[in-house]
Structures are given as C-alpha cells and as structure tokens.
Amino acid sequence: MLRCSGLTLKGFRRLAATRFASSASIVTERTDSLLVNWYPEKRSWSRFHYLWLRDNCHCPKCRHPVTGQRSLSSLLTNAEDTEPDRVQPDDVNEQVKVEWRDGHVSQFKHSWLLENSYCHHNIDDSKVAVVEKATQILWDAEYFKNRELPSVDYREYMKSDKVLLKMLQNFRQYGFCFMHNTPISEEATYDAIRRIGPLKRTYYGDTWSMTAGSMAVNDLAYSTGKIEMHTDNIFFTEAPGLLAFHCTEYSGQGGESLLVDGFSVAKHIRQTHPKYFSLLTKVSIPFEVEYKDGFYRTRKSFFRTSHEGEVTQVNYNGFDRKPFDVQSTDEMQSVLGCGPDEAMVSYYKAMYCLQDLLYGGKFLYELKLSPGTLLAFNNHRLLHGRKAFKGHRKLCGTSINCQEWESKLKVLERGTVEVT
C-alpha cells in the first residue's frame, strides 16, 4: 500500500548498493528525500524527506542523552540546514549516515527507519510502529464455552511483575481479565489497579463504592433493576480506559453481569452491513449528563476508528444519548449522499442493527461476579450490563486511562524494568 502520493522513481541517483543485515538493500538520494529499498525483489521501499530526517535527528546534540527529549523545541528555519551534503550507507553498523551542509551529522539505524516509516510501499504493516497492531482475539458467546477465562491470582499479581505482565497481555488480547483471591475490601481493589497506574479522577472521584438500591447517586447503576448494555462515562471527553469492578457483598437472586466484545460486533457489522458501519463510524451524536453540581457534554460516533480504519473505541450508552442535532443529520446526509428523510431512517436502521447484535445470543456473555473476584475490563472495547436482582449487592470500583495500562504493558514488554 502506498502511504504517500505523488512519488516517482525518476531523478533518483543510486549512492550505494549494499545488502543490509536488517533487510534493507539499496539507499538512493533525490533532491528532497532519501529512498530506502528494503526488498528489491518485492519493490518494497520507504521514502524519508530530509526535512523530516533533520527534524528527527537523535544525536546527543539534538536529543538529551538521558531523557530522550528534544534539546531544542523549535524547528530549523534555514532551508540550507536541512539539505544533505553527503549520504553514506553504513553496512557494518546497519545505519545510514547523513552529513548536512551546516556540518551537522545524523545517523539513523535501519531498524529505526523501518519502525518509523511514514511513506512506504509493499511493507508489512506489522513492522511499522505507527500502524502497529497489538495482538487481539475477538470473541463471542461461544468462544469461552470450552476455554478458560483469562485470569491471574491476586496475591501473585501483587508481588510479581511477570504476573502483572500476564494480566495486561490478557487484557490487551481479550479486553478483560479476572483476579481471583482478591481480599474482600475496597482498598485491596484499588491497590490492584494502582499497581498499573494512577487512578483516574472524575466527577465521581477516583474510586467509588455503591450499594444497589440505595440510589445514593442519581444513576441507574445504583438501582436493582436491569442495566442495559453500555460503555461508561462517554460524556467525558476521554472516557475511562480500564474499569475495575469488585463485588464485595452479595446475598440474593439474579444480578448476573453481561459482557459483549464491541470490537467483535463492529467487525460483524463491517462485513455484513458496510453502509451501517460507515454511519456508525462517521456520524457523531451528542452525549450528556447533568447533576446538581455538574454538567458534561460531548459528541462521539458509536465506533471510533484509527487512520488505518481499525476500530479503536466503542461509544455506546443509551442512557446518556441525546437527540440528534443539526450536525448529526448533516453528517448522515454527507455519508449517504441523500436527503434528511432517507438519512434519518437509515441511521435508525443502523442503530437497530447494532442493538440487536448486542442483545442477541451470539455475542452476549453472562457471568456472576462474586466476592473475592475482581474484574478488570477495557471500557473502550467491552460493553457491560447487569440483570435485575433481588437482595443485597455491594460493588466497588475504580478506573485508569488507556494510556496508563498501555504504558505499563509496553515498559514491561520491552524490558526497561526488571520483571521479577
């Protein structure tokens, strides 16, 4: 796939033909950019503009040797400073050396260039950091019938980074992970999540504890009735990423928890109803919540996608969805290229399709939370709900931002801290 338009091979001058151990083979130069040909037989290459290379030089003069931050935050304004005087492939050290006209010297490892390629052709995207796809397994109700649910032991998790890493890898792969043998206390629950990163503070605080039926907060979660499938707090600009629930007290009947892999549902809609998928991805609608001393409003599409078209977040909450406004209807018409009447009917059909899949038997997984088992799940991926119940049920929980669990996972996987 070509990542940068308007590129031709005319005018290139071959500087060297050398076989790189990292798979790069030919470096060529043109007036404004450098071309690295990784696999000549596959016509697979990356193009790097000299402006970009100079801006991303990571020598000790340009990057602090300890922090890795840029030593200068400003860009070079002299155009001649971003023109190379000499480009020299270094086969031995697997890098490209660039000598600039102002006397500055930059060196770029082949591996770094490949990982940061932004304009390329016929390159496996898994090798490019900007479109790195983490390992995910999309699941439905049948998937876990003959498989163990992802889980770790709380005691081992709290003392071993290897178990913490396992928990986060499960979380990335399936969107959730259980912690068994969790002490039946609120503080133990919060400590487990603090081990990953700082707790997210919202209008509700950074932790919460609720007794269902108390209606201590003006929210249906504090009732004993059925709670429809949803993702939490999407009226905030950035909804919590990891949510942790721990049922610390329970006596009664009912109250089973419900989970749906939203990414799996999104994939199904993309494959079976592409028009609906386009509407659910490109049309933003308002979400709002109002309390006595708080008011929050934002607008989002049901499915958020990356530049590469990957679904990265599900925003579904019928409780806090507000009426479609002018912007919503304009976007519907723009997506479909039709008038407002047809656009509105089509959008409701798309929502009906999504709703039917969420509550149908194919994707809905049912379980019962019990004291001593903590559930951590990805609020950007999984939808959750609860059946009605009779009796007593107390739940505590907390959350962190997505970047916190992603950061901890990346640090543990790359080995910059000792995993014990």
Protein backbone atom coordinates (compact mmCIF):
# COMPACT_ATOMS: atom_id res chain seq x y z
CA MET A 1 0.00 0.00 0.00
CA LEU A 2 1.37 3.40 -0.99
CA ARG A 3 1.41 5.74 2.03
CA CYS A 4 2.50 8.91 0.22
CA SER A 5 1.13 10.11 -3.10
CA GLY A 6 2.98 11.80 -5.96
CA LEU A 7 6.14 9.68 -5.71
CA THR A 8 8.04 8.64 -8.84
CA LEU A 9 11.34 6.88 -9.20
CA LYS A 10 12.62 9.31 -11.84
CA GLY A 11 15.51 11.53 -10.84
CA PHE A 12 16.88 9.17 -8.20
CA ARG A 13 20.62 8.68 -8.08
CA ARG A 14 21.99 5.46 -6.66
CA LEU A 15 24.53 6.13 -3.95
CA ALA A 16 25.26 2.59 -2.90
CA ALA A 17 24.11 -0.96 -3.38
CA THR A 18 24.76 -2.82 -0.18
CA ARG A 19 23.00 -5.76 1.47
CA PHE A 20 21.84 -4.74 4.93
CA ALA A 21 21.51 -7.44 7.56
CA SER A 22 18.22 -5.83 8.65
CA SER A 23 16.87 -6.48 5.13
CA ALA A 24 17.47 -3.02 3.59
CA SER A 25 19.47 -3.25 0.37
CA ILE A 26 19.68 -0.01 -1.60
CA VAL A 27 19.80 3.62 -0.50
CA THR A 28 19.14 6.25 -3.13
CA GLU A 29 19.01 10.02 -2.96
CA ARG A 30 16.97 12.71 -4.64
CA THR A 31 16.70 16.44 -4.17
CA ASP A 32 14.26 16.42 -1.26
CA SER A 33 14.30 12.91 0.16
CA LEU A 34 16.02 9.61 0.79
CA LEU A 35 14.75 6.29 -0.55
CA VAL A 36 15.49 3.02 1.26
CA ASN A 37 14.75 -0.10 -0.79
CA TRP A 38 14.21 -2.88 1.74
CA TYR A 39 13.39 -5.79 -0.55
CA PRO A 40 14.34 -5.10 -4.21
CA GLU A 41 12.67 -8.28 -5.46
CA LYS A 42 9.37 -7.12 -3.93
CA ARG A 43 9.78 -3.44 -4.90
CA SER A 44 9.36 -2.63 -1.22
CA TRP A 45 10.70 0.74 -0.12
CA SER A 46 10.34 3.70 2.25
CA ARG A 47 10.83 7.36 1.49
CA PHE A 48 12.13 9.85 4.09
CA HIS A 49 12.14 13.60 3.47
CA TYR A 50 15.31 15.41 4.51
CA LEU A 51 13.21 17.94 6.43
CA TRP A 52 11.82 15.04 8.45
CA LEU A 53 15.21 13.35 8.92
CA ARG A 54 16.86 16.51 10.22
CA ASP A 55 13.91 17.22 12.50
CA ASN A 56 14.17 13.70 13.92
CA CYS A 57 17.92 13.51 14.38
CA HIS A 58 18.62 11.80 17.69
CA CYS A 59 22.27 12.60 18.19
CA PRO A 60 23.33 13.89 21.66
CA LYS A 61 23.13 17.49 20.41
CA CYS A 62 19.54 17.10 19.28
CA ARG A 63 18.24 14.68 21.93
CA HIS A 64 19.04 14.71 25.61
CA PRO A 65 21.07 11.52 26.25
CA VAL A 66 19.14 10.68 29.43
CA THR A 67 15.56 11.85 28.89
CA GLY A 68 15.45 11.31 25.12
CA GLN A 69 13.60 14.62 24.74
CA ARG A 70 14.43 17.11 22.05
CA SER A 71 17.13 19.52 23.19
CA LEU A 72 15.54 22.23 21.05
CA SER A 73 11.79 22.56 20.73
CA SER A 74 11.98 24.92 17.75
CA LEU A 75 12.37 23.85 14.12
CA LEU A 76 15.29 24.83 11.93
CA THR A 77 14.32 27.86 9.85
CA ASN A 78 17.29 27.92 7.47
CA ALA A 79 16.41 25.71 4.49
CA GLU A 80 20.07 25.00 3.76
CA ASP A 81 20.41 23.35 7.17
CA THR A 82 18.00 20.62 6.02
CA GLU A 83 19.91 19.84 2.80
CA PRO A 84 22.43 16.98 2.93
CA ASP A 85 25.99 17.38 1.79
CA ARG A 86 26.59 13.64 1.79
CA VAL A 87 24.58 10.47 2.42
CA GLN A 88 26.62 7.42 3.37
CA PRO A 89 25.19 3.92 3.95
CA ASP A 90 26.96 2.07 6.75
CA ASP A 91 26.53 -1.66 6.20
CA VAL A 92 28.63 -2.69 9.20
CA ASN A 93 26.57 -0.75 11.76
CA GLU A 94 23.29 -1.18 9.86
CA GLN A 95 22.60 2.53 9.58
CA VAL A 96 22.57 5.50 7.23
CA LYS A 97 24.84 8.46 7.94
CA VAL A 98 23.80 11.92 6.74
CA GLU A 99 26.23 14.84 6.71
CA TRP A 100 24.36 18.14 6.46
CA ARG A 101 25.57 21.32 4.77
CA ASP A 102 25.91 23.15 8.08
CA GLY A 103 28.36 20.48 9.31
CA HIS A 104 25.87 18.59 11.48
CA VAL A 105 25.94 14.76 11.28
CA SER A 106 22.99 12.42 11.81
CA GLN A 107 22.91 8.64 11.96
CA PHE A 108 19.75 6.56 11.52
CA LYS A 109 19.57 2.86 12.30
CA HIS A 110 17.81 0.77 9.65
CA SER A 111 15.53 -0.72 12.31
CA TRP A 112 14.52 2.75 13.49
CA LEU A 113 13.77 3.90 9.94
CA LEU A 114 11.63 0.83 9.29
CA GLU A 115 9.70 1.22 12.54
CA ASN A 116 9.03 4.91 11.83
CA SER A 117 8.32 4.64 8.11
CA TYR A 118 5.51 7.01 7.14
CA CYS A 119 5.66 6.86 3.33
CA HIS A 120 6.17 3.35 2.01
CA HIS A 121 5.18 0.66 -0.47
CA ASN A 122 4.86 -3.12 -0.04
CA ILE A 123 5.93 -3.19 3.60
CA ASP A 124 4.33 -5.43 6.17
CA ASP A 125 2.45 -3.00 8.43
CA SER A 126 3.33 -5.08 11.49
CA LYS A 127 6.89 -3.76 11.12
CA VAL A 128 5.77 -0.13 11.15
CA ALA A 129 5.24 1.34 14.62
CA VAL A 130 2.67 3.92 13.56
CA VAL A 131 0.28 1.20 12.44
CA GLU A 132 1.36 -1.42 14.94
CA LYS A 133 -1.49 -3.81 15.59
CA ALA A 134 -1.48 -5.34 19.04
CA THR A 135 -2.46 -8.97 19.32
CA GLN A 136 -6.22 -9.17 19.84
CA ILE A 137 -8.62 -12.07 19.89
CA LEU A 138 -12.18 -11.08 19.10
CA TRP A 139 -14.69 -13.29 20.83
CA ASP A 140 -18.39 -14.07 21.06
CA ALA A 141 -20.59 -16.03 23.49
CA GLU A 142 -19.37 -19.40 22.20
CA TYR A 143 -15.65 -18.64 22.43
CA PHE A 144 -15.21 -19.26 26.17
CA LYS A 145 -17.51 -22.28 26.47
CA ASN A 146 -14.59 -24.69 26.19
CA ARG A 147 -11.80 -22.29 27.17
CA GLU A 148 -10.57 -20.91 30.45
CA LEU A 149 -11.38 -17.30 31.13
CA PRO A 150 -8.30 -15.02 31.28
CA SER A 151 -7.31 -14.69 34.92
CA VAL A 152 -4.48 -14.29 37.42
CA ASP A 153 -4.12 -14.81 41.15
CA TYR A 154 -4.30 -11.55 43.11
CA ARG A 155 -1.53 -12.47 45.54
CA GLU A 156 0.88 -13.45 42.77
CA TYR A 157 -0.13 -10.39 40.74
CA MET A 158 0.69 -8.03 43.59
CA LYS A 159 4.21 -9.38 44.12
CA SER A 160 5.33 -10.46 40.64
CA ASP A 161 5.85 -8.28 37.55
CA LYS A 162 5.66 -11.42 35.44
CA VAL A 163 2.09 -11.97 36.59
CA LEU A 164 1.32 -8.27 36.11
CA LEU A 165 2.61 -8.62 32.55
CA LYS A 166 0.46 -11.71 32.01
CA MET A 167 -2.59 -9.83 33.29
CA LEU A 168 -2.00 -6.90 30.92
CA GLN A 169 -1.36 -9.19 27.96
CA ASN A 170 -4.66 -10.96 28.69
CA PHE A 171 -6.31 -7.56 28.97
CA ARG A 172 -4.95 -6.48 25.58
CA GLN A 173 -5.81 -9.77 23.94
CA TYR A 174 -9.36 -10.32 25.21
CA GLY A 175 -10.34 -6.95 26.63
CA PHE A 176 -10.67 -8.24 30.20
CA CYS A 177 -9.00 -10.27 32.94
CA PHE A 178 -10.13 -11.63 36.31
CA MET A 179 -8.13 -11.51 39.55
CA HIS A 180 -9.05 -14.39 41.81
CA ASN A 181 -8.47 -14.47 45.57
CA THR A 182 -8.74 -10.71 45.85
CA PRO A 183 -9.13 -9.68 49.50
CA ILE A 184 -12.73 -8.62 50.09
CA SER A 185 -12.04 -4.97 50.75
CA GLU A 186 -12.23 -1.74 48.82
CA GLU A 187 -8.59 -0.85 49.45
CA ALA A 188 -7.34 -4.17 48.05
CA THR A 189 -9.33 -3.47 44.90
CA TYR A 190 -7.84 0.00 44.48
CA ASP A 191 -4.31 -1.22 45.26
CA ALA A 192 -4.58 -3.77 42.45
CA ILE A 193 -5.25 -1.06 39.88
CA ARG A 194 -2.74 1.40 41.35
CA ARG A 195 -0.15 -1.25 40.52
CA ILE A 196 -0.82 -0.48 36.85
CA GLY A 197 -1.01 3.31 37.03
CA PRO A 198 -2.57 6.32 38.76
CA LEU A 199 -6.32 6.17 39.26
CA LYS A 200 -8.45 8.38 37.04
CA ARG A 201 -10.25 11.14 38.89
CA THR A 202 -13.64 12.18 37.51
CA TYR A 203 -16.80 13.84 38.82
CA TYR A 204 -17.37 10.65 40.86
CA GLY A 205 -13.90 10.75 42.41
CA ASP A 206 -11.07 8.31 41.75
CA THR A 207 -12.81 5.39 43.50
CA TRP A 208 -16.42 4.51 44.21
CA SER A 209 -18.47 2.12 46.28
CA MET A 210 -22.19 1.59 45.83
CA THR A 211 -24.96 -0.44 47.36
CA ALA A 212 -27.50 -1.26 44.68
CA GLY A 213 -30.95 0.01 45.53
CA SER A 214 -29.69 2.93 47.61
CA MET A 215 -29.87 5.45 44.71
CA ALA A 216 -27.21 7.41 46.60
CA VAL A 217 -26.27 8.89 43.23
CA ASN A 218 -28.71 9.91 40.52
CA ASP A 219 -27.67 7.00 38.30
CA LEU A 220 -29.42 3.77 37.26
CA ALA A 221 -26.35 1.77 38.32
CA TYR A 222 -27.48 2.38 41.92
CA SER A 223 -30.83 0.67 41.30
CA THR A 224 -31.70 -3.02 41.48
CA GLY A 225 -33.22 -3.10 38.01
CA LYS A 226 -31.81 -4.35 34.75
CA ILE A 227 -28.99 -2.24 33.30
CA GLU A 228 -28.77 -2.20 29.52
CA MET A 229 -25.50 -2.76 27.65
CA HIS A 230 -23.27 0.30 27.62
CA THR A 231 -19.80 1.74 27.93
CA ASP A 232 -19.18 4.01 30.90
CA ASN A 233 -18.78 7.78 31.12
CA ILE A 234 -18.65 8.54 27.40
CA PHE A 235 -19.99 12.02 28.12
CA PHE A 236 -16.43 12.82 29.24
CA THR A 237 -14.04 13.94 26.51
CA GLU A 238 -11.88 10.90 27.32
CA ALA A 239 -13.81 8.01 28.81
CA PRO A 240 -12.01 5.78 31.33
CA GLY A 241 -9.93 3.08 29.66
CA LEU A 242 -9.64 0.29 32.23
CA LEU A 243 -12.55 -0.27 34.61
CA ALA A 244 -12.31 -2.49 37.69
CA PHE A 245 -15.37 -3.97 39.41
CA HIS A 246 -15.30 -5.99 42.62
CA CYS A 247 -18.50 -7.32 44.19
CA THR A 248 -17.63 -7.29 47.89
CA GLU A 249 -21.06 -8.24 49.28
CA TYR A 250 -23.86 -10.28 47.75
CA SER A 251 -26.91 -12.12 49.02
CA GLY A 252 -29.95 -12.58 46.88
CA GLN A 253 -31.05 -13.71 43.45
CA GLY A 254 -30.11 -12.51 39.97
CA GLY A 255 -27.74 -9.67 39.19
CA GLU A 256 -25.68 -11.57 36.60
CA SER A 257 -23.17 -9.41 34.75
CA LEU A 258 -23.24 -9.22 30.95
CA LEU A 259 -20.27 -8.60 28.64
CA VAL A 260 -20.02 -8.06 24.89
CA ASP A 261 -16.87 -7.66 22.81
CA GLY A 262 -17.68 -4.44 20.97
CA PHE A 263 -14.79 -4.91 18.54
CA SER A 264 -16.23 -8.28 17.52
CA VAL A 265 -19.65 -6.72 16.94
CA ALA A 266 -18.11 -3.88 14.93
CA LYS A 267 -16.27 -6.37 12.71
CA HIS A 268 -19.51 -8.26 12.10
CA ILE A 269 -21.35 -5.09 11.08
CA ARG A 270 -18.48 -4.01 8.83
CA GLN A 271 -18.65 -7.35 7.00
CA THR A 272 -22.44 -7.72 6.80
CA HIS A 273 -23.73 -4.13 6.66
CA PRO A 274 -20.96 -1.82 5.38
CA LYS A 275 -23.37 1.11 4.98
CA TYR A 276 -24.41 0.83 8.61
CA PHE A 277 -20.78 0.55 9.69
CA SER A 278 -19.96 3.74 7.81
CA LEU A 279 -22.81 5.59 9.52
CA LEU A 280 -21.89 4.32 13.00
CA THR A 281 -18.29 5.36 12.38
CA LYS A 282 -18.65 8.76 10.72
CA VAL A 283 -21.74 10.29 12.34
CA SER A 284 -21.21 11.97 15.72
CA ILE A 285 -24.06 12.31 18.19
CA PRO A 286 -24.31 14.19 21.50
CA PHE A 287 -23.96 12.51 24.88
CA GLU A 288 -24.78 14.44 28.03
CA VAL A 289 -25.26 14.06 31.76
CA GLU A 290 -26.39 16.64 34.28
CA TYR A 291 -26.18 16.57 38.06
CA LYS A 292 -27.00 19.14 40.69
CA ASP A 293 -23.43 20.43 40.63
CA GLY A 294 -22.11 19.02 37.35
CA PHE A 295 -22.80 19.17 33.62
CA TYR A 296 -20.88 17.18 30.99
CA ARG A 297 -21.48 17.03 27.27
CA THR A 298 -19.51 15.77 24.30
CA ARG A 299 -20.19 14.23 20.90
CA LYS A 300 -18.84 10.97 19.53
CA SER A 301 -19.56 8.34 16.93
CA PHE A 302 -20.55 4.85 18.09
CA PHE A 303 -17.33 3.44 16.61
CA ARG A 304 -14.09 5.37 16.67
CA THR A 305 -11.50 4.31 14.10
CA SER A 306 -7.81 4.92 13.54
CA HIS A 307 -6.23 6.38 10.44
CA GLU A 308 -5.84 2.81 9.21
CA GLY A 309 -9.55 2.08 9.68
CA GLU A 310 -9.14 -0.10 12.77
CA VAL A 311 -11.91 0.24 15.38
CA THR A 312 -10.19 1.62 18.48
CA GLN A 313 -13.15 2.58 20.69
CA VAL A 314 -16.82 1.77 21.13
CA ASN A 315 -19.07 4.54 22.47
CA TYR A 316 -22.48 3.15 23.33
CA ASN A 317 -24.67 4.46 26.11
CA GLY A 318 -28.38 4.78 25.51
CA PHE A 319 -28.90 6.29 28.96
CA ASP A 320 -26.90 9.42 28.16
CA ARG A 321 -27.54 9.72 24.40
CA LYS A 322 -29.26 12.98 23.50
CA PRO A 323 -31.44 13.83 20.46
CA PHE A 324 -29.65 14.09 17.14
CA ASP A 325 -28.85 17.69 16.28
CA VAL A 326 -28.13 19.60 13.07
CA GLN A 327 -24.53 18.42 12.95
CA SER A 328 -25.63 14.78 13.30
CA THR A 329 -28.16 14.99 10.49
CA ASP A 330 -25.73 16.88 8.24
CA GLU A 331 -23.17 14.11 8.76
CA MET A 332 -25.75 11.42 8.00
CA GLN A 333 -26.59 13.09 4.69
CA SER A 334 -22.92 13.57 3.88
CA VAL A 335 -22.11 9.89 4.45
CA LEU A 336 -25.03 8.60 2.38
CA GLY A 337 -25.27 11.40 -0.20
CA CYS A 338 -29.02 11.69 0.29
CA GLY A 339 -31.69 13.89 1.82
CA PRO A 340 -32.59 14.17 5.52
CA ASP A 341 -35.56 11.78 5.43
CA GLU A 342 -33.64 8.85 3.94
CA ALA A 343 -30.60 9.64 6.08
CA MET A 344 -32.55 9.59 9.35
CA VAL A 345 -34.31 6.30 8.55
CA SER A 346 -31.01 4.69 7.53
CA TYR A 347 -29.29 5.80 10.71
CA TYR A 348 -32.01 4.36 12.92
CA LYS A 349 -31.74 1.08 11.00
CA ALA A 350 -28.01 1.09 11.73
CA MET A 351 -28.69 1.59 15.44
CA TYR A 352 -31.33 -1.17 15.43
CA CYS A 353 -28.79 -3.49 13.83
CA LEU A 354 -26.20 -2.66 16.50
CA GLN A 355 -28.73 -3.06 19.31
CA ASP A 356 -29.96 -6.44 18.03
CA LEU A 357 -26.40 -7.77 17.95
CA LEU A 358 -25.66 -6.53 21.47
CA TYR A 359 -28.65 -8.31 22.96
CA GLY A 360 -28.77 -11.35 20.69
CA GLY A 361 -27.36 -14.64 21.86
CA LYS A 362 -24.36 -14.63 19.50
CA PHE A 363 -22.21 -12.04 21.29
CA LEU A 364 -23.61 -11.77 24.83
CA TYR A 365 -21.55 -13.47 27.56
CA GLU A 366 -23.12 -13.91 31.01
CA LEU A 367 -21.33 -14.40 34.35
CA LYS A 368 -21.88 -13.71 38.02
CA LEU A 369 -19.44 -11.58 40.00
CA SER A 370 -18.77 -12.86 43.50
CA PRO A 371 -16.79 -11.56 46.48
CA GLY A 372 -13.08 -12.23 46.05
CA THR A 373 -13.01 -11.96 42.25
CA LEU A 374 -12.06 -8.63 40.69
CA LEU A 375 -12.94 -7.97 37.04
CA ALA A 376 -10.80 -5.54 35.03
CA PHE A 377 -12.06 -4.75 31.53
CA ASN A 378 -11.40 -2.38 28.66
CA ASN A 379 -14.15 0.24 28.65
CA HIS A 380 -13.11 1.30 25.13
CA ARG A 381 -13.76 -2.22 23.82
CA LEU A 382 -16.24 -4.12 26.00
CA LEU A 383 -19.84 -3.20 26.73
CA HIS A 384 -21.27 -4.30 30.04
CA GLY A 385 -24.67 -4.60 31.67
CA ARG A 386 -26.47 -6.35 34.51
CA LYS A 387 -29.61 -8.35 35.03
CA ALA A 388 -32.14 -7.24 37.64
CA PHE A 389 -31.87 -8.80 41.08
CA LYS A 390 -33.45 -9.06 44.49
CA GLY A 391 -31.45 -8.85 47.68
CA HIS A 392 -28.27 -7.11 48.73
CA ARG A 393 -25.32 -6.30 46.44
CA LYS A 394 -22.38 -4.01 47.09
CA LEU A 395 -19.85 -3.16 44.42
CA CYS A 396 -16.69 -1.07 44.49
CA GLY A 397 -14.53 0.04 41.62
CA THR A 398 -12.11 2.45 40.03
CA SER A 399 -10.58 3.24 36.65
CA ILE A 400 -7.47 4.43 34.85
CA ASN A 401 -6.85 6.00 31.45
CA CYS A 402 -6.00 3.79 28.47
CA GLN A 403 -2.54 5.27 28.19
CA GLU A 404 -1.69 4.10 31.71
CA TRP A 405 -2.24 0.38 31.11
CA GLU A 406 -0.73 0.64 27.61
CA SER A 407 2.34 2.36 29.07
CA LYS A 408 2.83 -0.25 31.79
CA LEU A 409 2.45 -3.07 29.28
CA LYS A 410 4.93 -1.52 26.86
CA VAL A 411 7.51 -0.91 29.59
CA LEU A 412 7.26 -4.49 30.84
CA GLU A 413 7.39 -6.00 27.35
CA ARG A 414 10.41 -4.04 26.20
CA GLY A 415 12.29 -4.94 29.36
CA THR A 416 13.27 -1.44 30.53
CA VAL A 417 12.39 -2.51 34.05
CA GLU A 418 13.33 -5.79 35.68
CA VAL A 419 10.50 -8.30 35.53
CA THR A 420 10.57 -10.34 38.73
